N, C-alpha and C. Protein backbone atom coordinates (compact mmCIF):
# COMPACT_ATOMS: atom_id res chain seq x y z
N MET A 1 -30.71 -30.14 -36.66
CA MET A 1 -30.30 -31.09 -35.63
C MET A 1 -31.45 -31.94 -34.89
N PRO A 2 -31.02 -33.15 -34.66
CA PRO A 2 -31.99 -33.90 -33.67
C PRO A 2 -32.01 -33.44 -32.13
N ARG A 3 -32.83 -33.43 -31.80
CA ARG A 3 -32.87 -33.01 -30.23
C ARG A 3 -32.48 -34.41 -29.37
N GLN A 4 -31.90 -34.53 -28.40
CA GLN A 4 -31.79 -35.69 -27.76
C GLN A 4 -32.57 -36.21 -26.97
N VAL A 5 -32.73 -37.23 -26.60
CA VAL A 5 -33.57 -37.83 -25.69
C VAL A 5 -33.14 -39.04 -25.00
N LEU A 6 -33.22 -38.78 -23.73
CA LEU A 6 -32.89 -40.23 -22.86
C LEU A 6 -33.81 -41.25 -22.34
N SER A 7 -34.25 -42.12 -22.53
CA SER A 7 -35.32 -42.87 -21.94
C SER A 7 -34.61 -44.32 -21.19
N VAL A 8 -35.54 -44.26 -20.04
CA VAL A 8 -34.76 -44.81 -18.87
C VAL A 8 -35.75 -45.94 -18.96
N GLY A 9 -35.27 -47.38 -18.95
CA GLY A 9 -36.19 -48.27 -18.11
C GLY A 9 -37.76 -48.47 -18.97
N GLN A 10 -37.80 -48.35 -19.60
CA GLN A 10 -38.75 -48.98 -20.54
C GLN A 10 -38.52 -50.24 -21.09
N CYS A 11 -39.94 -51.09 -21.36
CA CYS A 11 -39.54 -52.51 -21.60
C CYS A 11 -39.39 -52.49 -23.20
N VAL A 12 -39.08 -53.63 -23.69
CA VAL A 12 -39.01 -53.75 -25.21
C VAL A 12 -40.18 -52.99 -26.10
N PRO A 13 -41.46 -53.60 -25.81
CA PRO A 13 -42.89 -53.18 -26.64
C PRO A 13 -43.34 -51.65 -26.54
N ASP A 14 -42.91 -50.92 -25.03
CA ASP A 14 -43.10 -49.43 -24.73
C ASP A 14 -42.10 -48.62 -25.42
N GLU A 15 -40.69 -49.31 -25.36
CA GLU A 15 -39.90 -48.54 -25.85
C GLU A 15 -40.13 -48.21 -27.33
N ALA A 16 -40.58 -49.22 -28.21
CA ALA A 16 -40.83 -49.15 -29.30
C ALA A 16 -42.07 -48.13 -29.90
N ALA A 17 -42.77 -48.18 -29.12
CA ALA A 17 -44.36 -47.50 -29.12
C ALA A 17 -43.82 -45.66 -28.81
N LEU A 18 -42.91 -45.90 -27.86
CA LEU A 18 -42.40 -44.75 -27.35
C LEU A 18 -41.55 -43.91 -28.53
N GLU A 19 -40.71 -44.60 -29.13
CA GLU A 19 -39.78 -44.29 -30.20
C GLU A 19 -40.52 -43.64 -31.66
N ARG A 20 -41.42 -44.66 -31.76
CA ARG A 20 -42.48 -44.44 -32.82
C ARG A 20 -43.05 -43.15 -32.75
N PHE A 21 -43.69 -42.95 -31.63
CA PHE A 21 -44.80 -41.90 -31.28
C PHE A 21 -43.53 -40.74 -31.49
N LEU A 22 -42.75 -40.67 -30.81
CA LEU A 22 -41.56 -39.24 -30.43
C LEU A 22 -40.89 -38.97 -32.04
N LYS A 23 -40.53 -40.04 -32.87
CA LYS A 23 -39.95 -40.02 -34.33
C LYS A 23 -41.09 -39.12 -35.15
N ALA A 24 -42.39 -39.58 -34.96
CA ALA A 24 -43.30 -39.31 -35.84
C ALA A 24 -43.48 -37.88 -35.41
N ASN A 25 -43.24 -37.36 -34.34
CA ASN A 25 -43.75 -35.70 -34.14
C ASN A 25 -42.83 -34.88 -34.09
N PHE A 26 -41.17 -35.33 -34.18
CA PHE A 26 -39.90 -34.22 -33.41
C PHE A 26 -39.03 -35.00 -34.28
N ASP A 27 -38.02 -34.21 -34.31
CA ASP A 27 -36.70 -34.87 -34.78
C ASP A 27 -35.98 -34.95 -33.64
N VAL A 28 -35.94 -36.26 -33.35
CA VAL A 28 -34.90 -36.71 -31.88
C VAL A 28 -34.51 -37.71 -32.26
N ARG A 29 -33.13 -38.10 -31.46
CA ARG A 29 -32.21 -39.13 -31.43
C ARG A 29 -32.54 -39.79 -29.87
N ILE A 30 -32.83 -40.94 -29.98
CA ILE A 30 -33.11 -41.38 -28.73
C ILE A 30 -32.15 -42.46 -28.38
N THR A 31 -31.44 -42.39 -27.04
CA THR A 31 -30.66 -43.16 -26.43
C THR A 31 -31.52 -44.07 -25.36
N GLN A 32 -31.39 -45.13 -25.12
CA GLN A 32 -31.80 -46.34 -23.74
C GLN A 32 -30.98 -46.33 -23.01
N ALA A 33 -31.44 -46.24 -21.84
CA ALA A 33 -30.94 -46.98 -20.74
C ALA A 33 -31.73 -47.88 -19.87
N GLU A 34 -30.94 -48.68 -19.70
CA GLU A 34 -31.47 -49.85 -18.56
C GLU A 34 -31.79 -49.79 -17.21
N THR A 35 -31.11 -49.43 -16.65
CA THR A 35 -30.56 -48.89 -15.48
C THR A 35 -30.40 -47.53 -14.71
N ALA A 36 -30.42 -47.34 -13.45
CA ALA A 36 -30.35 -45.93 -12.98
C ALA A 36 -28.82 -45.73 -13.27
N ALA A 37 -27.81 -46.40 -12.90
CA ALA A 37 -26.59 -46.60 -13.18
C ALA A 37 -26.39 -46.06 -14.88
N ASP A 38 -26.66 -46.93 -15.50
CA ASP A 38 -26.64 -46.68 -16.78
C ASP A 38 -27.04 -45.55 -17.27
N ALA A 39 -28.34 -44.98 -16.93
CA ALA A 39 -28.65 -43.71 -16.96
C ALA A 39 -27.99 -42.48 -16.46
N LEU A 40 -27.42 -42.43 -14.98
CA LEU A 40 -26.43 -41.29 -14.92
C LEU A 40 -25.29 -41.24 -15.41
N ASP A 41 -24.35 -42.18 -15.64
CA ASP A 41 -23.47 -42.65 -16.47
C ASP A 41 -23.37 -41.73 -17.91
N LEU A 42 -24.93 -42.04 -18.61
CA LEU A 42 -24.59 -41.41 -19.97
C LEU A 42 -24.90 -39.79 -19.83
N LEU A 43 -25.79 -39.25 -18.71
CA LEU A 43 -26.31 -37.90 -18.42
C LEU A 43 -24.64 -37.10 -18.17
N ARG A 44 -23.93 -37.94 -17.87
CA ARG A 44 -22.72 -37.68 -17.35
C ARG A 44 -21.71 -36.96 -18.32
N LYS A 45 -22.10 -37.72 -19.35
CA LYS A 45 -21.06 -38.15 -20.82
C LYS A 45 -21.75 -37.29 -22.03
N SER A 46 -23.06 -37.12 -21.76
CA SER A 46 -23.34 -36.22 -22.90
C SER A 46 -24.75 -35.52 -22.31
N ALA A 47 -25.18 -34.39 -23.06
CA ALA A 47 -26.08 -33.40 -22.89
C ALA A 47 -27.52 -33.99 -23.44
N TYR A 48 -28.71 -33.74 -22.71
CA TYR A 48 -30.13 -34.47 -23.34
C TYR A 48 -30.88 -33.52 -23.25
N ASN A 49 -31.76 -33.27 -24.24
CA ASN A 49 -33.06 -32.06 -24.22
C ASN A 49 -33.96 -32.52 -22.79
N LEU A 50 -34.12 -33.64 -23.07
CA LEU A 50 -35.12 -34.36 -22.24
C LEU A 50 -34.62 -35.96 -21.95
N VAL A 51 -35.23 -36.25 -20.61
CA VAL A 51 -34.79 -37.66 -20.22
C VAL A 51 -36.27 -38.11 -19.39
N LEU A 52 -36.67 -39.26 -20.27
CA LEU A 52 -38.09 -39.90 -20.00
C LEU A 52 -37.72 -41.30 -19.23
N ILE A 53 -38.10 -41.14 -18.18
CA ILE A 53 -37.87 -42.41 -17.30
C ILE A 53 -39.18 -42.95 -16.56
N ASN A 54 -39.20 -44.40 -16.97
CA ASN A 54 -40.48 -45.25 -16.24
C ASN A 54 -40.58 -44.79 -15.00
N ARG A 55 -42.09 -45.10 -14.40
CA ARG A 55 -42.30 -45.15 -13.38
C ARG A 55 -41.31 -46.05 -12.62
N LYS A 56 -41.40 -47.56 -12.97
CA LYS A 56 -40.93 -48.65 -12.78
C LYS A 56 -39.90 -49.17 -13.90
N LEU A 57 -38.48 -49.36 -13.65
CA LEU A 57 -37.87 -49.61 -14.78
C LEU A 57 -38.06 -51.22 -14.96
N ASP A 58 -37.91 -51.40 -16.46
CA ASP A 58 -38.12 -53.02 -16.31
C ASP A 58 -36.53 -54.02 -16.04
N ALA A 59 -35.82 -53.27 -16.07
CA ALA A 59 -34.67 -54.12 -15.58
C ALA A 59 -34.48 -54.80 -14.07
N ASP A 60 -35.15 -53.88 -13.15
CA ASP A 60 -34.67 -54.30 -12.12
C ASP A 60 -35.82 -53.86 -10.90
N TYR A 61 -36.96 -53.18 -11.77
CA TYR A 61 -38.18 -52.69 -11.05
C TYR A 61 -37.74 -51.61 -9.82
N THR A 62 -36.69 -50.62 -9.99
CA THR A 62 -36.62 -49.82 -9.42
C THR A 62 -37.47 -48.83 -9.61
N ASP A 63 -37.50 -47.49 -8.54
CA ASP A 63 -38.69 -46.55 -8.79
C ASP A 63 -37.72 -45.83 -9.64
N GLY A 64 -38.72 -45.14 -10.39
CA GLY A 64 -37.96 -44.15 -11.64
C GLY A 64 -37.77 -43.00 -10.79
N THR A 65 -38.67 -42.79 -9.75
CA THR A 65 -38.43 -41.42 -9.13
C THR A 65 -36.57 -41.16 -8.08
N GLU A 66 -36.48 -42.47 -7.84
CA GLU A 66 -35.12 -42.29 -7.34
C GLU A 66 -33.82 -41.89 -8.23
N ILE A 67 -34.22 -42.16 -9.33
CA ILE A 67 -33.36 -41.64 -10.50
C ILE A 67 -33.67 -39.97 -10.86
N LEU A 68 -34.79 -39.51 -10.55
CA LEU A 68 -35.07 -38.11 -10.77
C LEU A 68 -34.68 -37.52 -9.51
N ARG A 69 -34.84 -38.26 -8.40
CA ARG A 69 -33.96 -37.78 -7.24
C ARG A 69 -32.43 -37.33 -7.48
N ALA A 70 -31.90 -38.49 -7.85
CA ALA A 70 -30.50 -38.82 -8.05
C ALA A 70 -30.22 -37.36 -9.27
N ILE A 71 -30.75 -37.24 -10.17
CA ILE A 71 -30.95 -36.16 -11.20
C ILE A 71 -30.83 -34.74 -10.66
N LYS A 72 -31.68 -34.54 -9.69
CA LYS A 72 -32.10 -33.16 -9.40
C LYS A 72 -31.22 -32.67 -8.15
N ALA A 73 -30.45 -33.80 -7.56
CA ALA A 73 -29.45 -33.51 -6.77
C ALA A 73 -28.12 -33.11 -7.24
N ASP A 74 -27.93 -33.72 -8.52
CA ASP A 74 -26.67 -33.74 -8.96
C ASP A 74 -26.39 -32.10 -9.47
N GLU A 75 -25.41 -31.42 -9.23
CA GLU A 75 -25.02 -29.94 -9.64
C GLU A 75 -25.18 -30.10 -10.99
N MET A 76 -24.37 -31.07 -11.65
CA MET A 76 -24.10 -31.33 -12.90
C MET A 76 -25.26 -31.25 -14.15
N LEU A 77 -26.32 -32.01 -13.55
CA LEU A 77 -27.41 -32.38 -14.06
C LEU A 77 -28.81 -31.94 -13.45
N HIS A 78 -28.92 -31.02 -12.43
CA HIS A 78 -29.89 -31.04 -12.11
C HIS A 78 -31.20 -29.82 -13.03
N THR A 79 -30.49 -29.14 -14.14
CA THR A 79 -31.20 -28.43 -14.95
C THR A 79 -31.92 -29.30 -16.12
N THR A 80 -31.23 -30.52 -15.96
CA THR A 80 -31.85 -31.50 -17.50
C THR A 80 -33.70 -31.77 -17.38
N PRO A 81 -34.03 -31.29 -17.98
CA PRO A 81 -35.41 -31.83 -18.29
C PRO A 81 -35.81 -32.74 -18.05
N VAL A 82 -36.74 -33.20 -16.89
CA VAL A 82 -37.17 -34.83 -16.74
C VAL A 82 -38.67 -35.03 -16.90
N MET A 83 -39.03 -36.03 -17.16
CA MET A 83 -40.45 -36.76 -17.05
C MET A 83 -40.69 -37.76 -16.71
N ILE A 84 -41.55 -38.46 -15.90
CA ILE A 84 -42.01 -39.48 -15.55
C ILE A 84 -42.65 -40.21 -16.52
N VAL A 85 -42.82 -41.81 -17.02
CA VAL A 85 -43.85 -42.03 -17.89
C VAL A 85 -44.69 -43.20 -17.22
N SER A 86 -45.78 -42.67 -17.12
CA SER A 86 -46.59 -43.39 -15.77
C SER A 86 -48.03 -42.64 -16.43
N ASN A 87 -49.24 -43.37 -16.31
CA ASN A 87 -50.49 -43.21 -16.65
C ASN A 87 -51.15 -42.94 -15.42
N TYR A 88 -50.54 -42.75 -14.47
CA TYR A 88 -51.16 -42.26 -13.14
C TYR A 88 -51.28 -41.35 -12.85
N PRO A 89 -52.18 -40.09 -12.64
CA PRO A 89 -51.85 -38.93 -12.28
C PRO A 89 -51.30 -38.69 -11.22
N GLU A 90 -51.08 -39.53 -9.99
CA GLU A 90 -50.85 -39.19 -8.72
C GLU A 90 -49.21 -39.45 -9.00
N TYR A 91 -48.64 -40.20 -9.54
CA TYR A 91 -47.15 -40.23 -10.04
C TYR A 91 -46.82 -39.30 -10.31
N GLN A 92 -47.74 -38.78 -11.73
CA GLN A 92 -47.17 -37.53 -12.43
C GLN A 92 -46.93 -36.26 -11.15
N ASP A 93 -47.82 -36.45 -10.47
CA ASP A 93 -47.98 -35.17 -9.31
C ASP A 93 -46.51 -35.33 -8.49
N ALA A 94 -46.58 -36.42 -8.14
CA ALA A 94 -45.32 -36.84 -7.14
C ALA A 94 -44.06 -36.47 -8.05
N ALA A 95 -43.94 -36.62 -9.15
CA ALA A 95 -42.92 -36.35 -9.93
C ALA A 95 -42.43 -34.92 -9.78
N VAL A 96 -43.64 -34.04 -9.93
CA VAL A 96 -43.46 -32.53 -10.37
C VAL A 96 -42.94 -32.09 -8.96
N HIS A 97 -43.34 -32.71 -7.95
CA HIS A 97 -43.11 -32.48 -6.82
C HIS A 97 -41.71 -32.49 -6.27
N LEU A 98 -41.20 -33.53 -7.19
CA LEU A 98 -39.50 -33.81 -6.88
C LEU A 98 -38.74 -32.91 -7.94
N GLY A 99 -39.26 -31.93 -8.91
CA GLY A 99 -38.48 -31.07 -9.94
C GLY A 99 -38.88 -31.66 -11.07
N ALA A 100 -39.41 -32.55 -11.84
CA ALA A 100 -39.53 -33.32 -13.04
C ALA A 100 -41.16 -32.31 -13.37
N LEU A 101 -41.18 -32.28 -14.91
CA LEU A 101 -42.00 -31.46 -15.75
C LEU A 101 -43.12 -32.72 -15.46
N TYR A 102 -44.25 -32.24 -15.89
CA TYR A 102 -45.49 -33.00 -16.06
C TYR A 102 -45.22 -33.77 -17.10
N GLY A 103 -45.18 -35.31 -17.27
CA GLY A 103 -45.25 -36.16 -17.70
C GLY A 103 -46.51 -36.34 -18.73
N PHE A 104 -46.36 -38.15 -19.03
CA PHE A 104 -47.39 -38.81 -19.95
C PHE A 104 -47.18 -40.17 -19.67
N GLY A 105 -48.15 -40.91 -19.86
CA GLY A 105 -48.75 -42.23 -20.00
C GLY A 105 -48.03 -43.14 -21.13
N LYS A 106 -48.18 -44.08 -21.09
CA LYS A 106 -47.70 -44.86 -22.51
C LYS A 106 -49.52 -44.74 -23.20
N ALA A 107 -50.34 -44.68 -22.67
CA ALA A 107 -52.06 -44.87 -23.13
C ALA A 107 -52.33 -43.24 -23.63
N GLU A 108 -51.31 -42.34 -23.42
CA GLU A 108 -51.42 -41.21 -24.05
C GLU A 108 -50.65 -40.85 -24.97
N LEU A 109 -49.94 -41.91 -25.61
CA LEU A 109 -48.92 -41.62 -26.86
C LEU A 109 -49.84 -41.14 -28.04
N GLY A 110 -49.59 -40.10 -28.61
CA GLY A 110 -50.26 -39.67 -29.79
C GLY A 110 -51.31 -38.30 -29.29
N ARG A 111 -51.43 -38.47 -27.95
CA ARG A 111 -52.66 -37.32 -27.83
C ARG A 111 -52.12 -35.58 -28.22
N SER A 112 -52.80 -35.32 -28.44
CA SER A 112 -52.39 -33.65 -29.04
C SER A 112 -51.84 -32.68 -27.67
N ASP A 113 -52.40 -33.23 -26.65
CA ASP A 113 -51.86 -32.26 -25.25
C ASP A 113 -50.49 -32.65 -24.79
N VAL A 114 -50.13 -34.31 -25.16
CA VAL A 114 -49.09 -34.66 -24.74
C VAL A 114 -47.74 -33.79 -25.96
N ILE A 115 -48.14 -34.04 -27.24
CA ILE A 115 -47.33 -33.54 -28.10
C ILE A 115 -46.89 -31.97 -27.97
N ALA A 116 -48.29 -31.39 -27.50
CA ALA A 116 -47.98 -30.10 -26.75
C ALA A 116 -47.06 -29.70 -25.66
N ARG A 117 -47.02 -30.71 -24.63
CA ARG A 117 -46.46 -30.43 -23.88
C ARG A 117 -44.60 -30.74 -24.17
N LEU A 118 -44.56 -31.57 -25.19
CA LEU A 118 -43.17 -32.02 -25.11
C LEU A 118 -42.52 -30.93 -26.48
N THR A 119 -43.51 -30.27 -27.06
CA THR A 119 -42.78 -29.58 -28.19
C THR A 119 -41.90 -28.37 -27.84
N PRO A 120 -42.20 -27.71 -26.53
CA PRO A 120 -40.86 -26.70 -26.58
C PRO A 120 -39.71 -27.39 -25.85
N LEU A 121 -39.25 -28.63 -25.37
CA LEU A 121 -38.46 -29.22 -25.32
C LEU A 121 -37.53 -29.82 -26.64
N LEU A 122 -38.62 -30.36 -27.50
CA LEU A 122 -38.31 -30.61 -28.68
C LEU A 122 -38.32 -30.66 -30.15
N SER A 123 -38.60 -29.32 -30.26
CA SER A 123 -38.55 -28.90 -31.57
C SER A 123 -38.30 -27.26 -31.67
N ASP A 124 -37.76 -27.04 -32.60
CA ASP A 124 -37.40 -25.62 -32.69
C ASP A 124 -38.18 -24.38 -33.03
N GLN A 125 -39.61 -24.77 -32.76
CA GLN A 125 -40.30 -23.69 -32.67
C GLN A 125 -40.41 -22.66 -31.29
């Protein structure tokens, strides 16, 4: 059975690259959300194995950590695994401080360490 991934705020080319990467390495079904409101609505309706939030949402340039904060503050959602999609270690560190798992950037797609980081969440292994 495919693992459920919610991808939030990626632009079209980055979403396509992210989807290719995830589907090449894992049995996943990816749902896309453009805004924070869309993401929170989807999270309240379905369970996800992982939420990937762009550091800056393409649709309205919302800071992805605002969504992370909302997820972690919500009693129903706070245990959902979340990663920020950013190439910058300082943003990864800040997201971890807020309760996210250490994520990855689009420049890191395909790297073995990123695959290893995602495996516990997206694989039956």
